Amino acid sequence: MSSTGIFASSGRGARQENIEDDRPVPILHSMTGMYGAFDRINELADGPHLVVAGHDPEVLTRFPPLTGPLSGRVAVIAP
């Protein structure tokens, strides 16, 4: 977690809907561990709008794009 309360998730929250719907990915080692990870992700962020699922292409539509040559590939994520 950063000091701004944004939480970037990768392995446990592959897509935003996995975290928001409390729905684990299909292949996992521990179901209870997965639900614990979802709870912890939501505890660390300052709100559900600041949880960023690292492998979700929807991140680029949920957050405004960076302008310039990286537009469409980089999003601006700020509280």
Protein backbone atom coordinates (compact mmCIF):
# COMPACT_ATOMS: atom_id res chain seq x y z
CA MET A 1 0.00 0.00 0.00
CA SER A 2 1.22 3.46 -0.74
CA SER A 3 0.81 6.37 1.64
CA THR A 4 -2.15 7.55 -0.45
CA GLY A 5 -4.21 4.42 0.21
CA ILE A 6 -4.09 3.04 -3.33
CA PHE A 7 -3.69 -0.74 -3.45
CA ALA A 8 -2.31 -2.38 -6.59
CA SER A 9 -3.15 -6.06 -6.67
CA SER A 10 -1.58 -8.66 -8.93
CA GLY A 11 -1.80 -12.40 -8.37
CA ARG A 12 -4.78 -12.62 -5.99
CA GLY A 13 -6.90 -10.01 -7.70
CA ALA A 14 -6.25 -10.63 -11.35
CA ARG A 15 -9.31 -8.71 -12.45
CA GLN A 16 -11.38 -6.05 -10.77
CA GLU A 17 -14.52 -8.20 -10.77
CA ASN A 18 -12.67 -10.91 -8.81
CA ILE A 19 -12.09 -8.45 -5.98
CA GLU A 20 -15.41 -6.58 -6.16
CA ASP A 21 -17.53 -9.76 -6.38
CA ASP A 22 -15.38 -11.68 -3.86
CA ARG A 23 -14.92 -14.32 -6.55
CA PRO A 24 -11.63 -16.26 -6.57
CA VAL A 25 -9.73 -17.16 -9.71
CA PRO A 26 -10.50 -20.72 -10.90
CA ILE A 27 -7.15 -22.24 -9.92
CA LEU A 28 -5.87 -21.60 -6.43
CA HIS A 29 -4.03 -23.27 -3.58
CA SER A 30 -6.23 -22.19 -0.66
CA MET A 31 -9.82 -20.99 -0.83
CA THR A 32 -9.68 -19.54 2.69
CA GLY A 33 -6.39 -17.85 1.85
CA MET A 34 -7.94 -16.30 -1.24
CA TYR A 35 -10.87 -14.84 0.70
CA GLY A 36 -8.43 -13.60 3.33
CA ALA A 37 -6.43 -11.89 0.60
CA PHE A 38 -9.57 -10.17 -0.73
CA ASP A 39 -10.39 -8.94 2.78
CA ARG A 40 -6.85 -7.64 3.26
CA ILE A 41 -6.82 -5.88 -0.11
CA ASN A 42 -10.02 -4.02 0.82
CA GLU A 43 -8.66 -3.18 4.29
CA LEU A 44 -5.49 -1.61 2.87
CA ALA A 45 -7.12 0.58 0.23
CA ASP A 46 -8.83 3.82 1.17
CA GLY A 47 -11.90 2.69 -0.78
CA PRO A 48 -12.95 0.21 -3.44
CA HIS A 49 -12.33 2.82 -6.14
CA LEU A 50 -8.63 2.75 -5.19
CA VAL A 51 -8.12 -1.00 -5.60
CA VAL A 52 -6.29 -1.58 -8.86
CA ALA A 53 -6.29 -5.10 -10.27
CA GLY A 54 -2.89 -5.37 -11.91
CA HIS A 55 -3.80 -7.79 -14.71
CA ASP A 56 -7.12 -6.23 -15.66
CA PRO A 57 -7.21 -4.40 -19.01
CA GLU A 58 -10.22 -2.46 -17.68
CA VAL A 59 -7.79 -0.39 -15.57
CA LEU A 60 -7.25 1.71 -18.68
CA THR A 61 -10.98 2.53 -18.81
CA ARG A 62 -11.56 2.92 -15.06
CA PHE A 63 -8.86 5.57 -14.65
CA PRO A 64 -8.02 8.56 -16.86
CA PRO A 65 -5.26 8.03 -19.41
CA LEU A 66 -1.89 9.67 -19.22
CA THR A 67 -1.59 12.21 -22.00
CA GLY A 68 1.17 12.15 -24.54
CA PRO A 69 2.93 9.23 -26.20
CA LEU A 70 1.85 6.74 -23.48
CA SER A 71 -1.84 7.57 -23.77
CA GLY A 72 -3.88 4.37 -24.00
CA ARG A 73 -1.13 2.34 -22.32
CA VAL A 74 -0.75 4.14 -19.00
CA ALA A 75 -3.47 5.29 -16.60
CA VAL A 76 -3.27 8.01 -13.97
CA ILE A 77 -4.27 6.52 -10.61
CA ALA A 78 -4.67 9.04 -7.82
CA PRO A 79 -6.97 9.40 -4.83
